[in-house]
Amino acid sequence: MRDVETIPEVEPATMRLSERKPDTARIVNRTIVYGLLILAAIAFLIPMFILLNTSFKTLADVRTGTLVSLPVEFTLEPWVRAWGTLRGYFWNSVRMVVPAVAISTGIGAVNGYVLSKWRFRGSEAFFLALMMGCFIPFQSILLPMSQLLGRLGLSQRIAGLVLTHVVYGVPFTTLFFRNYYVGIPDAIVESGKIDGATFLGIFFKIMLPISGPIIVVAVIWQTTQIWNDFLFGVSFAGSQSQPVTVALNNLVATTTGITEHNVNMAAALIAAFPTLVIYVVSGRYFVRGLTAGSLSG
């Protein structure tokens, strides 16, 4: 007589479901983290709401209402007046930012390529010396930069501001590209050399096509820094070449009589609009680009 096979005891479904339940401590921790993040988001968004809300109010509504009260009479007049004042200076900033970002990013890419893949005697010392530019305070170079721009005939011109921001931005862009290219295997460059590619050929055909993430980082960083700059603009720009940040300060500081808070709020939003759009649209790519170098290779 054969032994009767024992059937394994089936585990109750209720027990299996109970084991899958998340740990109570994990739920509490997650709730606390999300709660703090929501509070932080609210704290940061309140000033933006006040700016936007006030910019659509009439001056009488601003006087009688509170900061958070909605407009009784919705109006676009503050925006029209603010844009009429800032329009020329806004385009000054555009003409300053676009070439300065393009030039500093291009130079930083070449520098990072050389310092990571074509090392030469003293390259590390050169890189450390270049990195000192990241820590030099703006105020310490105002006088020598002013003298240099005067000798070059670029004083009080947009071209002078472009040169200033390129010089100050190259250390940062070099750091970004150098750290990114270090994570790319040297075998890629060596294979290009074997195939007879030149220095620039390897850069344009091999390195640059795979540099998208770090290019985004450099462009976002430089655009934000240059657009938001006030010190260089107020120090080196003429009355017709001032960037929008200087014009915004003049608009608020030179108000006589009644302070038009609605116009000032609209002007502040106009000045902040480009960088705000960049971070909303490309913020996630900025984070990805910063981590791409550490994850590659």
C-alpha atoms as a PDB file:
ATOM      1  CA  MET A   1       0.000   0.000   0.000  1.00  0.00           C
ATOM      2  CA  ARG A   2       1.475   3.295  -1.147  1.00  0.00           C
ATOM      3  CA  ASP A   3       1.884   6.118   1.262  1.00  0.00           C
ATOM      4  CA  VAL A   4      -0.703   8.760   0.807  1.00  0.00           C
ATOM      5  CA  GLU A   5       0.958  12.003  -0.344  1.00  0.00           C
ATOM      6  CA  THR A   6       0.436  14.792   2.090  1.00  0.00           C
ATOM      7  CA  ILE A   7      -1.042  17.912   0.587  1.00  0.00           C
ATOM      8  CA  PRO A   8       0.726  21.070   1.777  1.00  0.00           C
ATOM      9  CA  GLU A   9      -1.382  23.168   4.009  1.00  0.00           C
ATOM     10  CA  VAL A  10      -2.751  26.187   2.147  1.00  0.00           C
ATOM     11  CA  GLU A  11      -1.990  29.500   3.779  1.00  0.00           C
ATOM     12  CA  PRO A  12      -5.119  31.513   4.423  1.00  0.00           C
ATOM     13  CA  ALA A  13      -5.628  34.393   1.980  1.00  0.00           C
ATOM     14  CA  THR A  14      -6.281  36.764   4.838  1.00  0.00           C
ATOM     15  CA  MET A  15      -2.824  36.085   6.251  1.00  0.00           C
ATOM     16  CA  ARG A  16      -1.105  36.759   2.913  1.00  0.00           C
ATOM     17  CA  LEU A  17      -2.957  40.030   2.504  1.00  0.00           C
ATOM     18  CA  SER A  18      -2.068  41.145   6.002  1.00  0.00           C
ATOM     19  CA  GLU A  19       1.610  40.520   5.339  1.00  0.00           C
ATOM     20  CA  ARG A  20       1.479  42.780   2.278  1.00  0.00           C
ATOM     21  CA  LYS A  21       0.127  45.712   4.190  1.00  0.00           C
ATOM     22  CA  PRO A  22       2.664  48.539   4.358  1.00  0.00           C
ATOM     23  CA  ASP A  23       4.340  49.109   7.626  1.00  0.00           C
ATOM     24  CA  THR A  24       2.564  51.699   9.763  1.00  0.00           C
ATOM     25  CA  ALA A  25       5.798  53.560  10.466  1.00  0.00           C
ATOM     26  CA  ARG A  26       6.473  53.866   6.742  1.00  0.00           C
ATOM     27  CA  ILE A  27       3.038  55.394   6.169  1.00  0.00           C
ATOM     28  CA  VAL A  28       3.574  57.879   8.995  1.00  0.00           C
ATOM     29  CA  ASN A  29       7.018  58.883   7.691  1.00  0.00           C
ATOM     30  CA  ARG A  30       5.727  59.316   4.170  1.00  0.00           C
ATOM     31  CA  THR A  31       2.810  61.403   5.410  1.00  0.00           C
ATOM     32  CA  ILE A  32       5.156  63.678   7.362  1.00  0.00           C
ATOM     33  CA  VAL A  33       7.508  64.115   4.393  1.00  0.00           C
ATOM     34  CA  TYR A  34       4.709  64.941   1.970  1.00  0.00           C
ATOM     35  CA  GLY A  35       3.117  67.247   4.511  1.00  0.00           C
ATOM     36  CA  LEU A  36       6.342  69.215   4.938  1.00  0.00           C
ATOM     37  CA  LEU A  37       6.826  69.403   1.167  1.00  0.00           C
ATOM     38  CA  ILE A  38       3.309  70.734   0.705  1.00  0.00           C
ATOM     39  CA  LEU A  39       3.857  73.374   3.411  1.00  0.00           C
ATOM     40  CA  ALA A  40       7.155  74.415   1.794  1.00  0.00           C
ATOM     41  CA  ALA A  41       5.480  74.662  -1.612  1.00  0.00           C
ATOM     42  CA  ILE A  42       2.706  76.823  -0.165  1.00  0.00           C
ATOM     43  CA  ALA A  43       5.258  79.095   1.538  1.00  0.00           C
ATOM     44  CA  PHE A  44       7.112  79.591  -1.745  1.00  0.00           C
ATOM     45  CA  LEU A  45       3.963  80.043  -3.835  1.00  0.00           C
ATOM     46  CA  ILE A  46       2.308  82.652  -1.601  1.00  0.00           C
ATOM     47  CA  PRO A  47       4.614  85.509  -2.764  1.00  0.00           C
ATOM     48  CA  MET A  48       4.028  84.487  -6.385  1.00  0.00           C
ATOM     49  CA  PHE A  49       0.276  84.515  -5.812  1.00  0.00           C
ATOM     50  CA  ILE A  50       0.474  87.985  -4.238  1.00  0.00           C
ATOM     51  CA  LEU A  51       2.490  89.296  -7.186  1.00  0.00           C
ATOM     52  CA  LEU A  52       0.134  87.856  -9.764  1.00  0.00           C
ATOM     53  CA  ASN A  53      -3.004  88.800  -7.854  1.00  0.00           C
ATOM     54  CA  THR A  54      -1.961  92.408  -7.251  1.00  0.00           C
ATOM     55  CA  SER A  55      -0.842  92.902 -10.864  1.00  0.00           C
ATOM     56  CA  PHE A  56      -4.437  92.449 -12.071  1.00  0.00           C
ATOM     57  CA  LYS A  57      -5.955  94.936  -9.605  1.00  0.00           C
ATOM     58  CA  THR A  58      -6.786  98.579 -10.081  1.00  0.00           C
ATOM     59  CA  LEU A  59      -4.992 101.064  -7.862  1.00  0.00           C
ATOM     60  CA  ALA A  60      -8.211 101.719  -5.925  1.00  0.00           C
ATOM     61  CA  ASP A  61      -8.623  97.992  -5.395  1.00  0.00           C
ATOM     62  CA  VAL A  62      -5.062  97.751  -4.075  1.00  0.00           C
ATOM     63  CA  ARG A  63      -5.738 100.490  -1.535  1.00  0.00           C
ATOM     64  CA  THR A  64      -8.994  99.090  -0.198  1.00  0.00           C
ATOM     65  CA  GLY A  65      -8.318  95.355  -0.403  1.00  0.00           C
ATOM     66  CA  THR A  66      -5.838  93.059   1.254  1.00  0.00           C
ATOM     67  CA  LEU A  67      -2.827  91.305  -0.230  1.00  0.00           C
ATOM     68  CA  VAL A  68      -4.664  88.035  -0.729  1.00  0.00           C
ATOM     69  CA  SER A  69      -8.083  89.396  -1.701  1.00  0.00           C
ATOM     70  CA  LEU A  70      -9.051  88.738  -5.298  1.00  0.00           C
ATOM     71  CA  PRO A  71      -9.448  91.669  -7.715  1.00  0.00           C
ATOM     72  CA  VAL A  72     -12.826  93.360  -7.559  1.00  0.00           C
ATOM     73  CA  GLU A  73     -12.228  94.744 -11.056  1.00  0.00           C
ATOM     74  CA  PHE A  74      -9.913  92.661 -13.237  1.00  0.00           C
ATOM     75  CA  THR A  75      -7.639  94.854 -15.374  1.00  0.00           C
ATOM     76  CA  LEU A  76      -4.609  94.462 -17.656  1.00  0.00           C
ATOM     77  CA  GLU A  77      -3.631  98.128 -17.483  1.00  0.00           C
ATOM     78  CA  PRO A  78      -0.759  97.543 -14.984  1.00  0.00           C
ATOM     79  CA  TRP A  79       0.761  94.993 -17.383  1.00  0.00           C
ATOM     80  CA  VAL A  80       0.448  97.361 -20.336  1.00  0.00           C
ATOM     81  CA  ARG A  81       2.095 100.194 -18.441  1.00  0.00           C
ATOM     82  CA  ALA A  82       4.831  97.976 -17.021  1.00  0.00           C
ATOM     83  CA  TRP A  83       5.648  96.535 -20.445  1.00  0.00           C
ATOM     84  CA  GLY A  84       5.717 100.009 -21.954  1.00  0.00           C
ATOM     85  CA  THR A  85       8.378 100.991 -19.415  1.00  0.00           C
ATOM     86  CA  LEU A  86      10.460  97.804 -19.506  1.00  0.00           C
ATOM     87  CA  ARG A  87      10.144  96.813 -23.172  1.00  0.00           C
ATOM     88  CA  GLY A  88      13.416  98.297 -24.406  1.00  0.00           C
ATOM     89  CA  TYR A  89      15.372  97.076 -21.396  1.00  0.00           C
ATOM     90  CA  PHE A  90      13.813  93.613 -21.701  1.00  0.00           C
ATOM     91  CA  TRP A  91      15.227  93.276 -25.219  1.00  0.00           C
ATOM     92  CA  ASN A  92      18.556  94.629 -23.963  1.00  0.00           C
ATOM     93  CA  SER A  93      18.666  91.633 -21.627  1.00  0.00           C
ATOM     94  CA  VAL A  94      17.802  89.281 -24.474  1.00  0.00           C
ATOM     95  CA  ARG A  95      20.593  90.729 -26.638  1.00  0.00           C
ATOM     96  CA  MET A  96      22.969  90.332 -23.701  1.00  0.00           C
ATOM     97  CA  VAL A  97      21.946  86.843 -22.570  1.00  0.00           C
ATOM     98  CA  VAL A  98      21.830  84.989 -25.903  1.00  0.00           C
ATOM     99  CA  PRO A  99      25.419  85.637 -27.070  1.00  0.00           C
ATOM    100  CA  ALA A 100      26.876  85.452 -23.553  1.00  0.00           C
ATOM    101  CA  VAL A 101      25.284  82.054 -22.921  1.00  0.00           C
ATOM    102  CA  ALA A 102      26.281  80.701 -26.342  1.00  0.00           C
ATOM    103  CA  ILE A 103      29.906  81.857 -26.106  1.00  0.00           C
ATOM    104  CA  SER A 104      30.492  80.817 -22.492  1.00  0.00           C
ATOM    105  CA  THR A 105      28.895  77.411 -23.094  1.00  0.00           C
ATOM    106  CA  GLY A 106      30.991  76.820 -26.215  1.00  0.00           C
ATOM    107  CA  ILE A 107      34.242  77.812 -24.514  1.00  0.00           C
ATOM    108  CA  GLY A 108      33.372  75.722 -21.472  1.00  0.00           C
ATOM    109  CA  ALA A 109      32.706  72.685 -23.675  1.00  0.00           C
ATOM    110  CA  VAL A 110      36.095  72.962 -25.399  1.00  0.00           C
ATOM    111  CA  ASN A 111      37.883  73.574 -22.093  1.00  0.00           C
ATOM    112  CA  GLY A 112      36.190  70.589 -20.470  1.00  0.00           C
ATOM    113  CA  TYR A 113      37.098  68.414 -23.457  1.00  0.00           C
ATOM    114  CA  VAL A 114      40.755  69.436 -23.337  1.00  0.00           C
ATOM    115  CA  LEU A 115      41.104  69.165 -19.561  1.00  0.00           C
ATOM    116  CA  SER A 116      39.518  65.707 -19.439  1.00  0.00           C
ATOM    117  CA  LYS A 117      40.702  63.955 -22.623  1.00  0.00           C
ATOM    118  CA  TRP A 118      43.807  65.843 -23.826  1.00  0.00           C
ATOM    119  CA  ARG A 119      45.717  66.334 -20.616  1.00  0.00           C
ATOM    120  CA  PHE A 120      48.980  68.251 -20.809  1.00  0.00           C
ATOM    121  CA  ARG A 121      51.688  69.180 -18.351  1.00  0.00           C
ATOM    122  CA  GLY A 122      50.210  71.562 -15.828  1.00  0.00           C
ATOM    123  CA  SER A 123      46.612  70.858 -16.858  1.00  0.00           C
ATOM    124  CA  GLU A 124      45.531  70.165 -13.278  1.00  0.00           C
ATOM    125  CA  ALA A 125      47.124  73.383 -12.034  1.00  0.00           C
ATOM    126  CA  PHE A 126      45.457  75.274 -14.885  1.00  0.00           C
ATOM    127  CA  PHE A 127      42.096  73.747 -13.980  1.00  0.00           C
ATOM    128  CA  LEU A 128      42.483  74.675 -10.302  1.00  0.00           C
ATOM    129  CA  ALA A 129      43.461  78.225 -11.242  1.00  0.00           C
ATOM    130  CA  LEU A 130      40.439  78.463 -13.516  1.00  0.00           C
ATOM    131  CA  MET A 131      38.178  77.195 -10.758  1.00  0.00           C
ATOM    132  CA  MET A 132      39.261  80.089  -8.568  1.00  0.00           C
ATOM    133  CA  GLY A 133      37.098  82.211 -10.841  1.00  0.00           C
ATOM    134  CA  CYS A 134      34.030  80.526  -9.353  1.00  0.00           C
ATOM    135  CA  PHE A 135      34.829  81.983  -5.933  1.00  0.00           C
ATOM    136  CA  ILE A 136      35.922  85.517  -6.807  1.00  0.00           C
ATOM    137  CA  PRO A 137      33.321  88.014  -5.507  1.00  0.00           C
ATOM    138  CA  PHE A 138      31.721  90.233  -8.126  1.00  0.00           C
ATOM    139  CA  GLN A 139      32.651  93.375  -6.217  1.00  0.00           C
ATOM    140  CA  SER A 140      36.387  92.654  -6.372  1.00  0.00           C
ATOM    141  CA  ILE A 141      36.532  92.885 -10.174  1.00  0.00           C
ATOM    142  CA  LEU A 142      34.382  95.976 -10.722  1.00  0.00           C
ATOM    143  CA  LEU A 143      37.261  98.445 -10.968  1.00  0.00           C
ATOM    144  CA  PRO A 144      39.661  96.382 -13.135  1.00  0.00           C
ATOM    145  CA  MET A 145      36.809  95.243 -15.395  1.00  0.00           C
ATOM    146  CA  SER A 146      35.641  98.839 -15.794  1.00  0.00           C
ATOM    147  CA  GLN A 147      39.147  99.878 -16.825  1.00  0.00           C
ATOM    148  CA  LEU A 148      39.409  96.970 -19.265  1.00  0.00           C
ATOM    149  CA  LEU A 149      36.056  97.735 -20.896  1.00  0.00           C
ATOM    150  CA  GLY A 150      37.071 101.384 -21.244  1.00  0.00           C
ATOM    151  CA  ARG A 151      40.317 100.472 -23.002  1.00  0.00           C
ATOM    152  CA  LEU A 152      38.494  98.092 -25.324  1.00  0.00           C
ATOM    153  CA  GLY A 153      35.869 100.699 -26.173  1.00  0.00           C
ATOM    154  CA  LEU A 154      33.078  98.523 -24.741  1.00  0.00           C
ATOM    155  CA  SER A 155      32.146 100.673 -21.759  1.00  0.00           C
ATOM    156  CA  GLN A 156      28.402 101.333 -21.337  1.00  0.00           C
ATOM    157  CA  ARG A 157      27.581  98.972 -24.191  1.00  0.00           C
ATOM    158  CA  ILE A 158      25.775  95.642 -24.335  1.00  0.00           C
ATOM    159  CA  ALA A 159      28.897  94.087 -25.852  1.00  0.00           C
ATOM    160  CA  GLY A 160      30.785  94.998 -22.685  1.00  0.00           C
ATOM    161  CA  LEU A 161      28.201  93.217 -20.549  1.00  0.00           C
ATOM    162  CA  VAL A 162      28.443  90.185 -22.835  1.00  0.00           C
ATOM    163  CA  LEU A 163      32.220  90.065 -22.398  1.00  0.00           C
ATOM    164  CA  THR A 164      31.912  90.437 -18.627  1.00  0.00           C
ATOM    165  CA  HIS A 165      29.442  87.583 -18.289  1.00  0.00           C
ATOM    166  CA  VAL A 166      31.441  85.340 -20.620  1.00  0.00           C
ATOM    167  CA  VAL A 167      34.596  85.853 -18.559  1.00  0.00           C
ATOM    168  CA  TYR A 168      32.764  85.225 -15.315  1.00  0.00           C
ATOM    169  CA  GLY A 169      30.778  82.275 -16.671  1.00  0.00           C
ATOM    170  CA  VAL A 170      33.588  80.266 -18.303  1.00  0.00           C
ATOM    171  CA  PRO A 171      34.874  78.785 -14.994  1.00  0.00           C
ATOM    172  CA  PHE A 172      31.422  77.392 -14.224  1.00  0.00           C
ATOM    173  CA  THR A 173      30.773  75.975 -17.692  1.00  0.00           C
ATOM    174  CA  THR A 174      34.278  74.485 -17.769  1.00  0.00           C
ATOM    175  CA  LEU A 175      33.608  72.752 -14.460  1.00  0.00           C
ATOM    176  CA  PHE A 176      30.320  71.335 -15.745  1.00  0.00           C
ATOM    177  CA  PHE A 177      31.757  69.959 -18.991  1.00  0.00           C
ATOM    178  CA  ARG A 178      34.996  68.708 -17.487  1.00  0.00           C
ATOM    179  CA  ASN A 179      33.183  66.670 -14.835  1.00  0.00           C
ATOM    180  CA  TYR A 180      30.813  65.305 -17.468  1.00  0.00           C
ATOM    181  CA  TYR A 181      33.544  64.324 -19.935  1.00  0.00           C
ATOM    182  CA  VAL A 182      35.586  62.616 -17.222  1.00  0.00           C
ATOM    183  CA  GLY A 183      32.819  60.031 -16.972  1.00  0.00           C
ATOM    184  CA  ILE A 184      33.025  59.219 -20.706  1.00  0.00           C
ATOM    185  CA  PRO A 185      35.428  56.313 -21.445  1.00  0.00           C
ATOM    186  CA  ASP A 186      38.777  57.337 -22.931  1.00  0.00           C
ATOM    187  CA  ALA A 187      38.419  54.469 -25.400  1.00  0.00           C
ATOM    188  CA  ILE A 188      35.948  56.569 -27.380  1.00  0.00           C
ATOM    189  CA  VAL A 189      38.561  59.273 -27.933  1.00  0.00           C
ATOM    190  CA  GLU A 190      41.265  56.714 -28.654  1.00  0.00           C
ATOM    191  CA  SER A 191      39.110  55.045 -31.288  1.00  0.00           C
ATOM    192  CA  GLY A 192      38.643  58.419 -32.933  1.00  0.00           C
ATOM    193  CA  LYS A 193      42.396  58.983 -32.981  1.00  0.00           C
ATOM    194  CA  ILE A 194      42.952  55.556 -34.560  1.00  0.00           C
ATOM    195  CA  ASP A 195      40.425  56.400 -37.270  1.00  0.00           C
ATOM    196  CA  GLY A 196      42.406  59.548 -38.035  1.00  0.00           C
ATOM    197  CA  ALA A 197      40.032  62.093 -36.531  1.00  0.00           C
ATOM    198  CA  THR A 198      41.543  65.438 -35.591  1.00  0.00           C
ATOM    199  CA  PHE A 199      41.243  67.267 -32.309  1.00  0.00           C
ATOM    200  CA  LEU A 200      38.215  69.240 -33.467  1.00  0.00           C
ATOM    201  CA  GLY A 201      36.854  66.285 -35.400  1.00  0.00           C
ATOM    202  CA  ILE A 202      36.642  64.175 -32.253  1.00  0.00           C
ATOM    203  CA  PHE A 203      35.029  67.050 -30.405  1.00  0.00           C
ATOM    204  CA  PHE A 204      32.352  67.866 -32.972  1.00  0.00           C
ATOM    205  CA  LYS A 205      31.620  64.341 -34.212  1.00  0.00           C
ATOM    206  CA  ILE A 206      31.960  62.299 -31.018  1.00  0.00           C
ATOM    207  CA  MET A 207      31.901  64.390 -27.829  1.00  0.00           C
ATOM    208  CA  LEU A 208      29.447  67.140 -28.705  1.00  0.00           C
ATOM    209  CA  PRO A 209      26.623  64.828 -29.911  1.00  0.00           C
ATOM    210  CA  ILE A 210      26.596  63.043 -26.534  1.00  0.00           C
ATOM    211  CA  SER A 211      26.794  66.269 -24.514  1.00  0.00           C
ATOM    212  CA  GLY A 212      23.098  67.128 -24.608  1.00  0.00           C
ATOM    213  CA  PRO A 213      22.418  66.742 -20.858  1.00  0.00           C
ATOM    214  CA  ILE A 214      25.333  68.897 -19.744  1.00  0.00           C
ATOM    215  CA  ILE A 215      24.657  71.509 -22.417  1.00  0.00           C
ATOM    216  CA  VAL A 216      21.183  71.906 -20.934  1.00  0.00           C
ATOM    217  CA  VAL A 217      22.736  72.352 -17.473  1.00  0.00           C
ATOM    218  CA  ALA A 218      25.181  75.000 -18.704  1.00  0.00           C
ATOM    219  CA  VAL A 219      22.524  76.901 -20.656  1.00  0.00           C
ATOM    220  CA  ILE A 220      20.049  76.950 -17.756  1.00  0.00           C
ATOM    221  CA  TRP A 221      22.734  77.965 -15.267  1.00  0.00           C
ATOM    222  CA  GLN A 222      24.169  80.741 -17.417  1.00  0.00           C
ATOM    223  CA  THR A 223      20.807  82.064 -18.564  1.00  0.00           C
ATOM    224  CA  THR A 224      19.570  82.340 -15.002  1.00  0.00           C
ATOM    225  CA  GLN A 225      22.755  83.924 -13.674  1.00  0.00           C
ATOM    226  CA  ILE A 226      23.070  86.461 -16.475  1.00  0.00           C
ATOM    227  CA  TRP A 227      19.411  87.413 -16.708  1.00  0.00           C
ATOM    228  CA  ASN A 228      19.100  87.964 -12.949  1.00  0.00           C
ATOM    229  CA  ASP A 229      22.347  89.911 -12.632  1.00  0.00           C
ATOM    230  CA  PHE A 230      22.045  93.427 -11.285  1.00  0.00           C
ATOM    231  CA  LEU A 231      25.524  94.439 -10.145  1.00  0.00           C
ATOM    232  CA  PHE A 232      27.281  94.226 -13.532  1.00  0.00           C
ATOM    233  CA  GLY A 233      24.320  95.835 -15.257  1.00  0.00           C
ATOM    234  CA  VAL A 234      24.186  98.840 -12.955  1.00  0.00           C
ATOM    235  CA  SER A 235      28.004  99.197 -12.995  1.00  0.00           C
ATOM    236  CA  PHE A 236      28.884  98.774 -16.674  1.00  0.00           C
ATOM    237  CA  ALA A 237      25.734  99.606 -18.667  1.00  0.00           C
ATOM    238  CA  GLY A 238      24.782 102.983 -20.062  1.00  0.00           C
ATOM    239  CA  SER A 239      21.351 104.559 -19.913  1.00  0.00           C
ATOM    240  CA  GLN A 240      20.371 102.938 -23.229  1.00  0.00           C
ATOM    241  CA  SER A 241      21.976  99.534 -22.613  1.00  0.00           C
ATOM    242  CA  GLN A 242      20.704  98.739 -19.126  1.00  0.00           C
ATOM    243  CA  PRO A 243      19.257  95.242 -18.600  1.00  0.00           C
ATOM    244  CA  VAL A 244      15.739  94.699 -17.331  1.00  0.00           C
ATOM    245  CA  THR A 245      16.829  94.134 -13.716  1.00  0.00           C
ATOM    246  CA  VAL A 246      18.306  97.628 -13.517  1.00  0.00           C
ATOM    247  CA  ALA A 247      15.233  99.135 -15.176  1.00  0.00           C
ATOM    248  CA  LEU A 248      12.996  97.312 -12.696  1.00  0.00           C
ATOM    249  CA  ASN A 249      14.954  98.759  -9.775  1.00  0.00           C
ATOM    250  CA  ASN A 250      14.741 102.236 -11.277  1.00  0.00           C
ATOM    251  CA  LEU A 251      10.996 101.865 -11.818  1.00  0.00           C
ATOM    252  CA  VAL A 252      10.377 100.974  -8.179  1.00  0.00           C
ATOM    253  CA  ALA A 253      12.941 103.339  -6.638  1.00  0.00           C
ATOM    254  CA  THR A 254      12.080 106.460  -8.637  1.00  0.00           C
ATOM    255  CA  THR A 255       8.325 106.330  -8.089  1.00  0.00           C
ATOM    256  CA  THR A 256       7.133 109.770  -7.005  1.00  0.00           C
ATOM    257  CA  GLY A 257       3.882 110.549  -5.274  1.00  0.00           C
ATOM    258  CA  ILE A 258       1.583 107.530  -5.213  1.00  0.00           C
ATOM    259  CA  THR A 259       3.285 104.141  -5.277  1.00  0.00           C
ATOM    260  CA  GLU A 260       1.632 102.038  -7.961  1.00  0.00           C
ATOM    261  CA  HIS A 261       2.025  98.594  -6.465  1.00  0.00           C
ATOM    262  CA  ASN A 262       0.031  96.935  -9.232  1.00  0.00           C
ATOM    263  CA  VAL A 263       2.384  98.261 -11.926  1.00  0.00           C
ATOM    264  CA  ASN A 264       5.437  97.323  -9.865  1.00  0.00           C
ATOM    265  CA  MET A 265       4.141  93.779  -9.364  1.00  0.00           C
ATOM    266  CA  ALA A 266       3.448  93.373 -13.075  1.00  0.00           C
ATOM    267  CA  ALA A 267       6.916  94.692 -13.888  1.00  0.00           C
ATOM    268  CA  ALA A 268       8.508  92.222 -11.460  1.00  0.00           C
ATOM    269  CA  LEU A 269       6.673  89.338 -13.129  1.00  0.00           C
ATOM    270  CA  ILE A 270       7.728  90.512 -16.593  1.00  0.00           C
ATOM    271  CA  ALA A 271      11.357  90.649 -15.473  1.00  0.00           C
ATOM    272  CA  ALA A 272      11.146  87.185 -13.913  1.00  0.00           C
ATOM    273  CA  PHE A 273       9.141  85.560 -16.710  1.00  0.00           C
ATOM    274  CA  PRO A 274      12.002  84.131 -18.859  1.00  0.00           C
ATOM    275  CA  THR A 275      13.850  82.415 -16.009  1.00  0.00           C
ATOM    276  CA  LEU A 276      10.579  81.196 -14.539  1.00  0.00           C
ATOM    277  CA  VAL A 277       9.625  79.570 -17.840  1.00  0.00           C
ATOM    278  CA  ILE A 278      13.071  78.002 -18.202  1.00  0.00           C
ATOM    279  CA  TYR A 279      12.891  76.332 -14.801  1.00  0.00           C
ATOM    280  CA  VAL A 280       9.310  75.166 -15.226  1.00  0.00           C
ATOM    281  CA  VAL A 281       9.986  73.681 -18.665  1.00  0.00           C
ATOM    282  CA  SER A 282      13.567  72.452 -18.221  1.00  0.00           C
ATOM    283  CA  GLY A 283      14.047  72.034 -14.471  1.00  0.00           C
ATOM    284  CA  ARG A 284      13.921  68.236 -14.625  1.00  0.00           C
ATOM    285  CA  TYR A 285      16.531  68.193 -17.391  1.00  0.00           C
ATOM    286  CA  PHE A 286      18.781  70.334 -15.190  1.00  0.00           C
ATOM    287  CA  VAL A 287      18.750  67.676 -12.462  1.00  0.00           C
ATOM    288  CA  ARG A 288      19.254  64.877 -14.991  1.00  0.00           C
ATOM    289  CA  GLY A 289      22.190  66.688 -16.562  1.00  0.00           C
ATOM    290  CA  LEU A 290      23.900  67.229 -13.224  1.00  0.00           C
ATOM    291  CA  THR A 291      23.705  63.509 -12.433  1.00  0.00           C
ATOM    292  CA  ALA A 292      24.472  62.259 -15.954  1.00  0.00           C
ATOM    293  CA  GLY A 293      28.220  62.661 -15.574  1.00  0.00           C
ATOM    294  CA  SER A 294      28.340  60.612 -12.381  1.00  0.00           C
ATOM    295  CA  LEU A 295      26.243  57.842 -13.922  1.00  0.00           C
ATOM    296  CA  SER A 296      27.982  57.565 -17.281  1.00  0.00           C
ATOM    297  CA  GLY A 297      30.856  55.125 -17.804  1.00  0.00           C
END
